């Protein structure tokens, strides 16, 4: 092979002024090569000799803690200034001769629990925030340290409030295509209404009342005060407005303009507190309004933890315990409230309070069970305004459950009796409720305050019904499951008594706002023609909608409707 001359070598060189790889516009800036970088990169060193395997050492972990989640611009572009490392350098390592002082662990088991910003230079700084790492220890206790670089301070709490999934509940009634929506009323508008009224007047009273058993008032929450909830078969009635013969007689006599029952009226007055869907049927005949309900309506059911921040979930929403679903809890609570008022009275024909008129719904020839202790008072309220040319009166049928002797004066005092029920304080949907067996005796106020928060709508309705009936006292029973996994057997832990007006003040219940809602609805319907209307609470929004429906609506569904009151098996 002939030797290559210097002249031939020089002739092969490029004729340009520079040498090396060809330059392009993608890797040059004003003709100068550069490496892409992000403006967020911290330029702390002119030359970083820790590039490579030494960059992941503990000494660099603290420096890179705040930048580990950033995607550097140009990270995927080959570094134009990289050089190949010799293989000899890969085997080179530095020996650390510094003495390590073993720190003493806190607590039993020898594991050290770090809080706050974490250990400086720790090896686990690249973990996800909010995660926990188990610290090995010698004892049986397991301790955990936070892997959060900042201890969770100042960071966003994922999955809280904003990320909470929206509940999709079903409506209480299916809106049909032939229904015409007339109004849509937001709860914020309802809360601004106000109408002061008098305490009302009694028109007539029916039925009878047994005397309340004071044994249930002794030491609520004490182990010695617990009593088994027993089923006593008695004839109880839940007659709606249009089927009440007394209401029909009063309407024929033109005693008022609006007619309803306390169960229906309390729902309308406490509508802004409601969460679940419900509906009312309103019939306009002439110059009169009959506020009614459907057969098997949701108004007949007693809700459980309706207003809790974490209300009970449906089985379709991931609740594996069908016993604690909203529907099952409603059936359980309704059954308890049907049985409890009958159990806490002393049945005696010699000692009972008879009203001026007999029971309006009980027929001895048709019923096999004796009637339950119940008194019906038909009361009239004046909802008139100064600008009204004619007075606007409302007649409501109210109910009383028992009577008790005043310990000082000896006069009879009328009572309404209801029951709160506890299903499982540790289950989903309990709403942070305390364990009644452990706390009812010692922290009675906390237990009642929690119930006011979780069952705001239900307690407001009960209080409103007691005030409408002009009851002297409202008795609240505390009933718990004998076993949290069994919803058929219950224990009465105790009974607390409250004056309705004082209890309303405690839970910030404004009756003037409720009367304002009733008057507004009456004006809205009286301004329209005769016919049938349905007022529906939206299942997922704080909104009421008023529909005009055909006159035969719901009439063909009566036979297929749910029974108003189911027979319960003996517990």
Protein backbone atom coordinates (compact mmCIF):
# COMPACT_ATOMS: atom_id res chain seq x y z
CA UNK A 1 0.00 0.00 0.00
CA UNK A 2 1.45 3.33 -1.04
CA UNK A 3 2.01 5.88 1.71
CA UNK A 4 -0.47 8.72 1.95
CA UNK A 5 1.04 12.06 1.42
CA UNK A 6 0.35 15.12 3.50
CA UNK A 7 -0.98 16.93 0.48
CA UNK A 8 -3.67 14.31 -0.10
CA UNK A 9 -4.73 14.47 3.56
CA UNK A 10 -5.07 18.24 3.46
CA UNK A 11 -7.05 17.96 0.26
CA UNK A 12 -9.68 15.80 1.92
CA UNK A 13 -10.41 18.38 4.64
CA UNK A 14 -13.62 20.46 4.26
CA UNK A 15 -13.29 23.89 2.80
CA UNK A 16 -15.40 25.56 5.56
CA UNK A 17 -13.94 27.59 8.40
CA UNK A 18 -15.07 25.15 11.13
CA UNK A 19 -14.67 21.41 11.71
CA UNK A 20 -16.81 18.75 13.39
CA UNK A 21 -20.38 17.56 12.85
CA UNK A 22 -22.49 19.68 10.53
CA UNK A 23 -24.48 22.39 12.28
CA UNK A 24 -28.23 22.87 11.92
CA UNK A 25 -30.77 25.48 12.96
CA UNK A 26 -32.26 23.12 15.57
CA UNK A 27 -29.07 22.95 17.63
CA UNK A 28 -27.71 26.44 17.13
CA UNK A 29 -28.56 29.87 18.45
CA UNK A 30 -27.03 32.65 16.38
CA UNK A 31 -24.59 30.08 15.04
CA UNK A 32 -23.53 28.86 18.52
CA UNK A 33 -24.40 25.25 19.52
CA UNK A 34 -26.50 24.94 22.68
CA UNK A 35 -28.39 22.30 24.67
CA UNK A 36 -32.16 22.79 25.21
CA UNK A 37 -33.11 23.52 28.83
CA UNK A 38 -36.12 24.59 30.85
CA UNK A 39 -36.47 28.05 32.33
CA UNK A 40 -37.54 26.43 35.58
CA UNK A 41 -34.18 24.62 35.92
CA UNK A 42 -32.03 25.91 38.73
CA UNK A 43 -28.66 26.92 37.26
CA UNK A 44 -26.49 26.57 40.32
CA UNK A 45 -23.30 25.15 38.81
CA UNK A 46 -21.28 25.94 35.73
CA UNK A 47 -20.10 22.33 35.54
CA UNK A 48 -21.85 19.52 37.41
CA UNK A 49 -19.40 16.66 37.97
CA UNK A 50 -22.00 14.59 39.87
CA UNK A 51 -23.83 13.78 36.63
CA UNK A 52 -24.42 10.01 36.46
CA UNK A 53 -24.69 7.39 39.20
CA UNK A 54 -23.44 9.69 41.96
CA UNK A 55 -26.37 12.05 41.39
CA UNK A 56 -28.75 9.67 43.16
CA UNK A 57 -26.70 9.53 46.33
CA UNK A 58 -28.23 10.66 49.59
CA UNK A 59 -26.30 13.91 49.47
CA UNK A 60 -28.20 14.99 46.36
CA UNK A 61 -31.64 13.83 47.49
CA UNK A 62 -32.30 16.95 49.53
CA UNK A 63 -31.17 19.18 46.63
CA UNK A 64 -33.44 17.46 44.12
CA UNK A 65 -36.47 17.07 46.40
CA UNK A 66 -38.40 20.01 45.03
CA UNK A 67 -37.55 19.24 41.40
CA UNK A 68 -38.19 15.51 41.17
CA UNK A 69 -41.66 15.95 39.67
CA UNK A 70 -40.66 18.44 36.99
CA UNK A 71 -40.20 17.33 33.39
CA UNK A 72 -37.17 19.24 32.15
CA UNK A 73 -37.44 20.65 28.70
CA UNK A 74 -35.08 18.87 26.35
CA UNK A 75 -34.53 15.92 28.67
CA UNK A 76 -35.05 13.53 25.78
CA UNK A 77 -32.52 15.33 23.52
CA UNK A 78 -29.00 13.84 23.52
CA UNK A 79 -26.56 16.01 25.38
CA UNK A 80 -24.25 17.60 22.87
CA UNK A 81 -21.51 17.88 25.45
CA UNK A 82 -21.54 14.31 26.78
CA UNK A 83 -18.29 12.35 26.59
CA UNK A 84 -17.86 8.64 26.82
CA UNK A 85 -16.64 7.46 30.21
CA UNK A 86 -13.78 5.05 30.33
CA UNK A 87 -14.54 1.56 31.56
CA UNK A 88 -11.91 1.98 34.27
CA UNK A 89 -13.89 4.78 35.86
CA UNK A 90 -16.98 2.54 36.29
CA UNK A 91 -15.15 0.41 38.85
CA UNK A 92 -13.96 3.39 40.89
CA UNK A 93 -15.71 4.07 44.24
CA UNK A 94 -15.15 6.22 47.29
CA UNK A 95 -15.02 4.65 50.74
CA UNK A 96 -16.84 6.55 53.52
CA UNK A 97 -14.73 6.41 56.69
CA UNK A 98 -16.95 8.68 58.82
CA UNK A 99 -18.45 7.14 61.95
CA UNK A 100 -22.23 6.84 62.06
CA UNK A 101 -23.86 7.50 65.41
CA UNK A 102 -26.82 5.23 66.04
CA UNK A 103 -29.76 7.31 67.14
CA UNK A 104 -32.02 6.04 69.86
CA UNK A 105 -35.54 5.15 68.73
CA UNK A 106 -38.60 6.64 70.36
CA UNK A 107 -41.35 4.46 71.71
CA UNK A 108 -41.59 0.75 72.15
CA UNK A 109 -40.14 -1.39 69.38
CA UNK A 110 -37.09 0.72 68.47
CA UNK A 111 -38.54 2.25 65.29
CA UNK A 112 -38.23 6.02 64.95
CA UNK A 113 -41.24 7.91 63.71
CA UNK A 114 -40.44 11.10 61.81
CA UNK A 115 -42.98 13.83 61.28
CA UNK A 116 -43.01 17.17 59.55
CA UNK A 117 -40.44 17.68 56.82
CA UNK A 118 -38.84 14.26 57.19
CA UNK A 119 -35.25 13.19 57.68
CA UNK A 120 -32.70 15.29 55.86
CA UNK A 121 -31.00 13.31 53.14
CA UNK A 122 -33.17 10.25 53.70
CA UNK A 123 -33.26 7.59 51.02
CA UNK A 124 -37.04 7.62 50.63
CA UNK A 125 -37.53 11.20 49.57
CA UNK A 126 -38.73 10.29 46.07
CA UNK A 127 -41.85 8.52 47.29
CA UNK A 128 -45.35 9.80 46.63
CA UNK A 129 -46.63 12.47 48.97
CA UNK A 130 -49.08 11.34 51.57
CA UNK A 131 -47.88 7.72 51.46
CA UNK A 132 -46.60 5.92 54.54
CA UNK A 133 -43.62 3.61 54.94
CA UNK A 134 -43.44 0.96 57.62
CA UNK A 135 -40.49 1.41 60.01
CA UNK A 136 -39.14 -1.97 61.19
CA UNK A 137 -39.17 -2.47 64.91
CA UNK A 138 -38.61 -5.24 67.37
CA UNK A 139 -41.86 -4.94 69.25
CA UNK A 140 -45.35 -5.97 68.18
CA UNK A 141 -46.38 -2.41 67.47
CA UNK A 142 -46.05 -1.15 63.92
CA UNK A 143 -44.96 2.43 63.41
CA UNK A 144 -45.12 4.48 60.28
CA UNK A 145 -43.28 7.47 58.94
CA UNK A 146 -44.52 9.89 56.40
CA UNK A 147 -42.76 9.89 53.06
CA UNK A 148 -44.04 13.33 52.28
CA UNK A 149 -41.27 15.78 51.52
CA UNK A 150 -43.15 18.54 53.37
CA UNK A 151 -45.07 16.48 55.85
CA UNK A 152 -48.32 17.22 54.07
CA UNK A 153 -48.17 20.85 55.09
CA UNK A 154 -49.42 23.27 52.48
CA UNK A 155 -50.09 20.61 49.85
CA UNK A 156 -53.44 19.95 48.23
CA UNK A 157 -55.62 17.34 49.89
CA UNK A 158 -56.68 15.17 46.99
CA UNK A 159 -60.05 13.49 47.24
CA UNK A 160 -61.49 16.06 49.63
CA UNK A 161 -64.64 18.07 48.98
CA UNK A 162 -63.89 19.15 45.40
CA UNK A 163 -63.12 15.59 44.30
CA UNK A 164 -66.09 14.02 46.14
CA UNK A 165 -68.33 12.26 43.64
CA UNK A 166 -71.81 13.64 43.16
CA UNK A 167 -74.61 11.44 44.46
CA UNK A 168 -77.20 10.47 41.87
CA UNK A 169 -80.39 9.64 43.74
CA UNK A 170 -83.67 8.59 42.20
CA UNK A 171 -86.70 10.87 42.24
CA UNK A 172 -89.61 9.98 44.50
CA UNK A 173 -91.97 10.09 41.50
CA UNK A 174 -91.40 9.71 37.78
CA UNK A 175 -92.15 12.89 35.86
CA UNK A 176 -94.25 11.97 32.84
CA UNK A 177 -94.18 13.70 29.45
CA UNK A 178 -97.73 15.02 29.81
CA UNK A 179 -96.79 16.95 32.95
CA UNK A 180 -96.26 20.68 32.49
CA UNK A 181 -93.63 22.38 34.63
CA UNK A 182 -94.89 25.72 35.94
CA UNK A 183 -92.29 26.85 38.47
CA UNK A 184 -88.77 26.02 39.60
CA UNK A 185 -87.93 27.37 43.04
CA UNK A 186 -84.46 27.36 44.54
CA UNK A 187 -84.02 26.77 48.26
CA UNK A 188 -82.13 30.04 48.64
CA UNK A 189 -85.30 31.88 47.66
CA UNK A 190 -87.35 29.90 50.15
CA UNK A 191 -85.00 30.74 53.01
CA UNK A 192 -85.68 34.47 52.52
CA UNK A 193 -89.44 34.15 53.13
CA UNK A 194 -90.99 35.12 56.42
CA UNK A 195 -94.53 35.30 57.82
CA UNK A 196 -95.45 35.77 61.46
CA UNK A 197 -98.64 33.96 62.55
CA UNK A 198 -100.48 33.30 65.77
CA UNK A 199 -100.44 30.01 67.69
CA UNK A 200 -103.70 28.97 66.05
CA UNK A 201 -107.02 27.89 67.53
CA UNK A 202 -108.54 24.48 68.24
CA UNK A 203 -111.63 23.57 66.24
CA UNK A 204 -112.29 20.05 67.49
CA UNK A 205 -110.55 17.01 69.02
CA UNK A 206 -111.03 13.29 68.45
CA UNK A 207 -109.72 10.03 69.90
CA UNK A 208 -108.16 9.29 73.29
CA UNK A 209 -104.76 9.23 74.99
CA UNK A 210 -103.13 6.85 77.46
CA UNK A 211 -100.77 8.11 80.14
CA UNK A 212 -97.04 8.04 79.53
CA UNK A 213 -94.91 5.59 81.55
CA UNK A 214 -92.34 7.65 83.43
CA UNK A 215 -90.13 4.60 83.97
CA UNK A 216 -88.54 5.27 80.59
CA UNK A 217 -87.29 8.68 81.75
CA UNK A 218 -85.07 7.26 84.50
CA UNK A 219 -81.31 7.46 83.86
CA UNK A 220 -81.18 7.47 80.05
CA UNK A 221 -78.18 5.53 78.83
CA UNK A 222 -77.66 3.53 82.02
CA UNK A 223 -77.36 -0.24 81.71
CA UNK A 224 -80.19 -0.75 84.22
CA UNK A 225 -82.53 1.45 82.14
CA UNK A 226 -82.33 -0.63 78.96
CA UNK A 227 -85.55 -2.26 77.84
CA UNK A 228 -86.31 -4.51 74.91
CA UNK A 229 -88.41 -3.01 72.12
CA UNK A 230 -91.49 -5.19 71.79
CA UNK A 231 -94.18 -5.22 69.14
CA UNK A 232 -97.71 -4.62 70.40
CA UNK A 233 -100.42 -5.08 67.78
CA UNK A 234 -102.60 -2.00 67.72
CA UNK A 235 -104.68 -0.37 65.01
CA UNK A 236 -102.87 2.74 63.77
CA UNK A 237 -103.94 4.99 60.91
CA UNK A 238 -102.21 7.30 58.50
CA UNK A 239 -105.12 8.87 56.62
CA UNK A 240 -104.31 11.48 54.02
CA UNK A 241 -106.09 14.82 53.64
CA UNK A 242 -108.59 13.96 50.92
CA UNK A 243 -109.71 10.77 52.71
CA UNK A 244 -110.32 12.44 56.07
CA UNK A 245 -114.08 12.77 56.65
CA UNK A 246 -113.59 15.54 59.23
CA UNK A 247 -111.59 17.62 56.74
CA UNK A 248 -114.29 17.16 54.13
CA UNK A 249 -116.96 18.35 56.58
CA UNK A 250 -114.91 21.42 57.49
CA UNK A 251 -114.39 22.20 53.81
CA UNK A 252 -118.13 22.02 53.15
CA UNK A 253 -118.71 24.44 56.01
CA UNK A 254 -116.21 26.84 54.42
CA UNK A 255 -114.12 27.01 57.60
CA UNK A 256 -110.84 27.68 55.75
CA UNK A 257 -109.14 27.91 52.36
CA UNK A 258 -106.25 25.45 52.77
CA UNK A 259 -106.57 21.93 54.24
CA UNK A 260 -103.76 19.52 55.07
CA UNK A 261 -102.22 17.29 57.78
CA UNK A 262 -99.27 17.96 60.07
CA UNK A 263 -97.16 15.28 58.38
CA UNK A 264 -97.57 16.98 54.99
CA UNK A 265 -97.41 20.55 56.26
CA UNK A 266 -94.20 19.94 58.24
CA UNK A 267 -92.48 18.67 55.10
CA UNK A 268 -93.41 21.80 53.19
CA UNK A 269 -92.36 24.09 56.04
CA UNK A 270 -89.01 22.32 56.46
CA UNK A 271 -88.35 21.87 52.73
CA UNK A 272 -85.00 23.77 52.70
CA UNK A 273 -83.56 21.19 55.11
CA UNK A 274 -84.48 18.19 52.98
CA UNK A 275 -81.96 16.23 50.91
CA UNK A 276 -83.91 13.21 49.70
CA UNK A 277 -86.60 13.54 47.05
CA UNK A 278 -90.27 13.86 48.04
CA UNK A 279 -93.49 15.00 46.41
CA UNK A 280 -96.86 16.51 47.32
CA UNK A 281 -100.16 16.37 45.44
CA UNK A 282 -102.16 19.59 45.56
CA UNK A 283 -105.77 19.74 44.43
CA UNK A 284 -107.41 23.07 43.61
CA UNK A 285 -111.21 22.89 43.86
CA UNK A 286 -113.02 26.19 43.60
CA UNK A 287 -111.43 28.58 46.04
CA UNK A 288 -109.95 25.78 48.21
CA UNK A 289 -106.61 24.00 48.26
CA UNK A 290 -106.13 20.43 49.49
CA UNK A 291 -102.46 19.62 50.08
CA UNK A 292 -102.29 15.85 49.81
CA UNK A 293 -99.87 12.96 49.28
CA UNK A 294 -99.77 9.79 47.24
CA UNK A 295 -100.37 6.30 48.58
CA UNK A 296 -97.03 4.91 49.69
CA UNK A 297 -95.43 8.34 49.55
CA UNK A 298 -91.91 8.98 50.81
CA UNK A 299 -93.42 11.31 53.43
CA UNK A 300 -94.61 8.26 55.37
CA UNK A 301 -91.05 6.97 55.73
CA UNK A 302 -88.66 8.06 58.49
CA UNK A 303 -85.23 8.90 57.09
CA UNK A 304 -81.91 8.09 58.78
CA UNK A 305 -78.89 10.43 58.64
CA UNK A 306 -80.35 12.29 55.69
CA UNK A 307 -78.30 15.42 56.42
CA UNK A 308 -75.03 13.71 57.32
CA UNK A 309 -71.94 14.77 55.39
CA UNK A 310 -71.34 11.11 54.53
CA UNK A 311 -74.91 9.87 54.22
CA UNK A 312 -75.61 6.13 53.85
CA UNK A 313 -74.79 4.81 50.40
CA UNK A 314 -77.05 2.84 48.14
CA UNK A 315 -76.02 -0.67 47.17
CA UNK A 316 -75.57 0.63 43.62
CA UNK A 317 -73.04 3.16 44.94
CA UNK A 318 -70.73 0.51 46.37
CA UNK A 319 -72.36 -0.22 49.72
CA UNK A 320 -71.83 -3.93 50.30
CA UNK A 321 -73.97 -3.92 53.46
CA UNK A 322 -77.53 -3.80 52.16
CA UNK A 323 -78.82 -3.72 55.75
CA UNK A 324 -77.43 -0.19 56.14
CA UNK A 325 -78.61 1.19 52.80
CA UNK A 326 -80.99 4.20 52.89
CA UNK A 327 -84.04 2.14 51.93
CA UNK A 328 -83.44 -0.54 54.57
CA UNK A 329 -82.71 2.07 57.24
CA UNK A 330 -85.95 3.91 56.38
CA UNK A 331 -88.01 0.74 56.80
CA UNK A 332 -86.28 0.02 60.10
CA UNK A 333 -86.78 3.55 61.44
CA UNK A 334 -90.43 3.65 60.32
CA UNK A 335 -91.11 0.35 62.06
CA UNK A 336 -89.48 1.61 65.28
CA UNK A 337 -91.52 4.82 65.24
CA UNK A 338 -94.73 2.82 64.77
CA UNK A 339 -93.97 0.51 67.70
CA UNK A 340 -92.19 2.77 70.19
CA UNK A 341 -95.05 5.21 71.04
CA UNK A 342 -97.34 2.25 71.80
CA UNK A 343 -94.82 0.63 74.16
CA UNK A 344 -94.07 3.65 76.35
CA UNK A 345 -97.68 4.27 77.45
CA UNK A 346 -99.63 2.53 80.18
CA UNK A 347 -102.80 1.11 78.69
CA UNK A 348 -105.67 1.34 81.15
CA UNK A 349 -109.32 2.04 80.43
CA UNK A 350 -109.68 3.49 83.92
CA UNK A 351 -106.82 5.96 83.43
CA UNK A 352 -106.93 7.59 80.03
CA UNK A 353 -107.77 10.98 78.59
CA UNK A 354 -110.80 10.92 76.28
CA UNK A 355 -111.25 13.65 73.72
CA UNK A 356 -114.71 15.23 73.16
CA UNK A 357 -115.28 13.06 70.07
CA UNK A 358 -114.64 9.39 69.33
CA UNK A 359 -111.88 8.09 67.13
CA UNK A 360 -112.67 9.26 63.56
CA UNK A 361 -111.10 6.28 61.74
CA UNK A 362 -111.56 3.29 64.05
CA UNK A 363 -114.43 0.92 63.32
CA UNK A 364 -114.85 -1.82 65.99
CA UNK A 365 -116.85 -4.04 63.66
CA UNK A 366 -114.03 -4.20 61.12
CA UNK A 367 -110.92 -4.08 63.29
CA UNK A 368 -109.65 -7.01 65.34
CA UNK A 369 -106.94 -5.06 67.21
CA UNK A 370 -107.76 -2.30 69.72
CA UNK A 371 -106.87 1.25 68.66
CA UNK A 372 -103.55 2.80 69.58
CA UNK A 373 -103.25 5.82 71.86
CA UNK A 374 -103.83 8.75 69.53
CA UNK A 375 -105.63 12.08 69.61
CA UNK A 376 -106.43 14.18 66.54
CA UNK A 377 -106.76 17.94 66.96
CA UNK A 378 -108.03 20.00 64.05
CA UNK A 379 -106.50 23.46 64.36
CA UNK A 380 -106.87 26.63 62.30
CA UNK A 381 -104.15 29.19 61.52
CA UNK A 382 -104.51 32.65 60.02
CA UNK A 383 -102.14 33.31 57.11
CA UNK A 384 -103.75 36.60 56.09
CA UNK A 385 -101.87 39.74 55.15
CA UNK A 386 -102.96 43.35 55.52
CA UNK A 387 -103.43 43.74 51.77
CA UNK A 388 -105.76 40.72 51.51
CA UNK A 389 -109.38 41.51 50.78
CA UNK A 390 -110.50 38.18 52.25
CA UNK A 391 -108.84 36.27 55.12
CA UNK A 392 -106.72 33.23 54.28
CA UNK A 393 -107.07 30.43 56.83
CA UNK A 394 -105.43 27.02 56.98
CA UNK A 395 -106.80 23.97 58.82
CA UNK A 396 -104.35 21.21 59.74
CA UNK A 397 -105.00 17.88 61.41
CA UNK A 398 -102.44 17.44 64.18
CA UNK A 399 -101.67 14.34 66.25
CA UNK A 400 -100.81 13.71 69.91
CA UNK A 401 -99.42 10.42 71.26
CA UNK A 402 -99.81 10.48 75.05
CA UNK A 403 -100.62 12.54 78.12
CA UNK A 404 -98.73 12.94 81.40
CA UNK A 405 -99.50 14.54 84.74
CA UNK A 406 -97.55 17.64 85.67
CA UNK A 407 -95.56 16.85 88.82
CA UNK A 408 -96.25 20.31 90.30
CA UNK A 409 -99.71 21.42 89.24
CA UNK A 410 -101.16 18.00 88.46
CA UNK A 411 -102.57 19.19 85.13
CA UNK A 412 -102.51 17.01 82.04
CA UNK A 413 -99.76 17.75 79.55
CA UNK A 414 -99.93 16.52 75.97
CA UNK A 415 -96.96 14.71 74.41
CA UNK A 416 -95.69 13.77 71.00
CA UNK A 417 -93.43 10.70 70.97
CA UNK A 418 -90.77 9.82 68.41
CA UNK A 419 -87.67 7.62 68.33
CA UNK A 420 -84.15 8.09 67.04
CA UNK A 421 -82.43 4.87 66.06
CA UNK A 422 -78.76 3.84 66.03
CA UNK A 423 -77.69 1.19 63.54
CA UNK A 424 -73.88 0.97 63.79
CA UNK A 425 -71.67 3.82 64.94
CA UNK A 426 -68.70 2.36 63.02
CA UNK A 427 -70.49 1.67 59.74
CA UNK A 428 -70.45 3.87 56.67
CA UNK A 429 -73.14 6.53 56.90
CA UNK A 430 -73.09 6.82 60.69
CA UNK A 431 -72.11 10.47 60.31
CA UNK A 432 -69.59 10.45 63.15
CA UNK A 433 -72.23 9.50 65.71
CA UNK A 434 -71.07 8.55 69.18
CA UNK A 435 -71.66 5.13 70.69
CA UNK A 436 -74.97 5.65 72.49
CA UNK A 437 -74.43 2.86 74.99
CA UNK A 438 -71.19 4.46 76.15
CA UNK A 439 -71.96 8.18 75.74
CA UNK A 440 -75.70 8.74 76.22
CA UNK A 441 -75.41 8.87 80.00
CA UNK A 442 -72.19 10.93 80.22
CA UNK A 443 -72.28 13.05 77.03
CA UNK A 444 -75.97 13.50 76.40
CA UNK A 445 -75.57 16.94 74.85
CA UNK A 446 -72.99 15.72 72.34
CA UNK A 447 -75.22 12.83 71.29
CA UNK A 448 -78.21 15.10 70.71
CA UNK A 449 -76.10 17.70 68.90
CA UNK A 450 -74.79 15.05 66.51
CA UNK A 451 -78.35 13.91 65.80
CA UNK A 452 -79.37 17.52 65.13
CA UNK A 453 -76.63 17.71 62.52
CA UNK A 454 -77.18 14.31 60.85
CA UNK A 455 -81.00 14.35 61.04
CA UNK A 456 -81.75 18.05 60.75
CA UNK A 457 -84.77 17.61 58.46
CA UNK A 458 -86.35 14.79 60.46
CA UNK A 459 -86.01 16.53 63.83
CA UNK A 460 -87.22 19.82 62.36
CA UNK A 461 -90.36 18.09 61.06
CA UNK A 462 -91.03 16.44 64.42
CA UNK A 463 -90.56 19.75 66.22
CA UNK A 464 -92.84 21.53 63.76
CA UNK A 465 -95.54 18.90 64.24
CA UNK A 466 -95.32 19.27 68.03
CA UNK A 467 -95.66 23.06 67.78
CA UNK A 468 -98.58 22.78 65.34
CA UNK A 469 -100.37 20.43 67.76
CA UNK A 470 -99.48 22.75 70.64
CA UNK A 471 -97.93 19.88 72.56
CA UNK A 472 -96.44 20.65 75.95
CA UNK A 473 -93.53 18.27 75.52
CA UNK A 474 -91.77 16.25 72.84
CA UNK A 475 -90.33 12.90 73.88
CA UNK A 476 -87.37 11.50 71.95
CA UNK A 477 -86.51 7.86 72.46
CA UNK A 478 -83.05 6.45 71.76
CA UNK A 479 -83.34 2.98 70.26
CA UNK A 480 -80.33 0.91 69.26
CA UNK A 481 -79.87 -2.46 67.66
CA UNK A 482 -79.29 -5.33 70.05
CA UNK A 483 -76.61 -6.45 67.60
CA UNK A 484 -75.23 -4.09 64.92
CA UNK A 485 -75.57 -6.89 62.37
CA UNK A 486 -79.23 -7.59 63.20
CA UNK A 487 -81.90 -5.03 62.26
CA UNK A 488 -84.84 -7.01 63.70
CA UNK A 489 -84.14 -6.76 67.44
CA UNK A 490 -83.74 -3.44 69.26
CA UNK A 491 -83.09 -2.06 72.73
CA UNK A 492 -84.58 1.14 74.21
CA UNK A 493 -81.68 2.96 75.88
CA UNK A 494 -83.70 5.83 77.28
CA UNK A 495 -86.01 8.76 76.60
CA UNK A 496 -85.34 12.50 76.74
CA UNK A 497 -88.00 15.20 76.92
CA UNK A 498 -87.90 18.69 75.43
CA UNK A 499 -90.21 21.66 75.13
CA UNK A 500 -90.88 22.10 71.41
CA UNK A 501 -90.21 25.84 71.29
CA UNK A 502 -86.91 25.49 73.15
CA UNK A 503 -85.83 22.57 71.00
CA UNK A 504 -86.64 24.59 67.87
CA UNK A 505 -84.42 27.41 69.13
CA UNK A 506 -81.56 24.96 69.75
CA UNK A 507 -81.61 23.69 66.18
CA UNK A 508 -82.23 27.14 64.67
CA UNK A 509 -85.68 26.29 63.38
CA UNK A 510 -87.61 29.36 62.25
CA UNK A 511 -91.34 28.69 62.00
CA UNK A 512 -91.96 32.12 60.47
CA UNK A 513 -89.89 31.00 57.48
CA UNK A 514 -92.02 27.85 57.19
CA UNK A 515 -95.25 29.84 57.22
CA UNK A 516 -93.78 32.14 54.57
CA UNK A 517 -93.14 29.11 52.34
CA UNK A 518 -96.73 27.91 52.82
CA UNK A 519 -98.18 31.33 52.03
CA UNK A 520 -96.00 31.69 48.91
CA UNK A 521 -97.09 28.30 47.61
CA UNK A 522 -100.72 29.15 48.31
CA UNK A 523 -100.49 32.43 46.37
CA UNK A 524 -98.75 30.64 43.51
CA UNK A 525 -101.53 28.03 43.24
CA UNK A 526 -104.47 30.32 43.93
CA UNK A 527 -103.36 32.43 41.01
CA UNK A 528 -103.92 29.48 38.69
CA UNK A 529 -107.03 27.64 37.63
CA UNK A 530 -108.64 24.54 39.09
CA UNK A 531 -106.83 21.28 38.63
CA UNK A 532 -104.24 18.95 40.10
CA UNK A 533 -100.64 19.93 40.76
CA UNK A 534 -97.56 18.04 41.95
CA UNK A 535 -94.71 19.62 43.91
CA UNK A 536 -91.48 17.60 43.58
CA UNK A 537 -88.16 17.99 45.39
CA UNK A 538 -85.29 17.39 42.98
CA UNK A 539 -83.34 14.29 44.10
CA UNK A 540 -79.90 15.82 43.50
CA UNK A 541 -80.38 19.59 43.71
CA UNK A 542 -81.85 21.99 46.31
CA UNK A 543 -84.75 22.82 44.02
CA UNK A 544 -88.55 22.45 44.11
CA UNK A 545 -90.50 22.04 40.88
CA UNK A 546 -94.22 22.58 40.45
CA UNK A 547 -96.03 20.60 37.76
CA UNK A 548 -99.56 20.71 36.43
CA UNK A 549 -100.79 17.16 35.88
CA UNK A 550 -103.97 15.53 34.52
CA UNK A 551 -106.81 14.98 36.98
CA UNK A 552 -106.55 11.18 36.80
CA UNK A 553 -102.85 11.15 37.72
CA UNK A 554 -101.99 8.58 40.46
CA UNK A 555 -105.56 7.28 40.58
CA UNK A 556 -104.74 4.26 38.43
CA UNK A 557 -101.67 3.56 40.58
CA UNK A 558 -103.44 3.26 43.92
CA UNK A 559 -103.97 -0.47 43.62
CA UNK A 560 -100.33 -1.02 42.70
CA UNK A 561 -98.96 1.31 45.34
CA UNK A 562 -97.02 0.24 48.40
CA UNK A 563 -98.99 -0.37 51.59
CA UNK A 564 -98.96 2.50 53.99
CA UNK A 565 -98.06 0.36 56.96
CA UNK A 566 -96.64 -3.13 56.83
CA UNK A 567 -97.21 -5.74 59.45
CA UNK A 568 -94.05 -6.29 61.44
CA UNK A 569 -92.97 -9.62 62.83
CA UNK A 570 -92.49 -10.05 66.54
CA UNK A 571 -89.01 -9.15 67.56
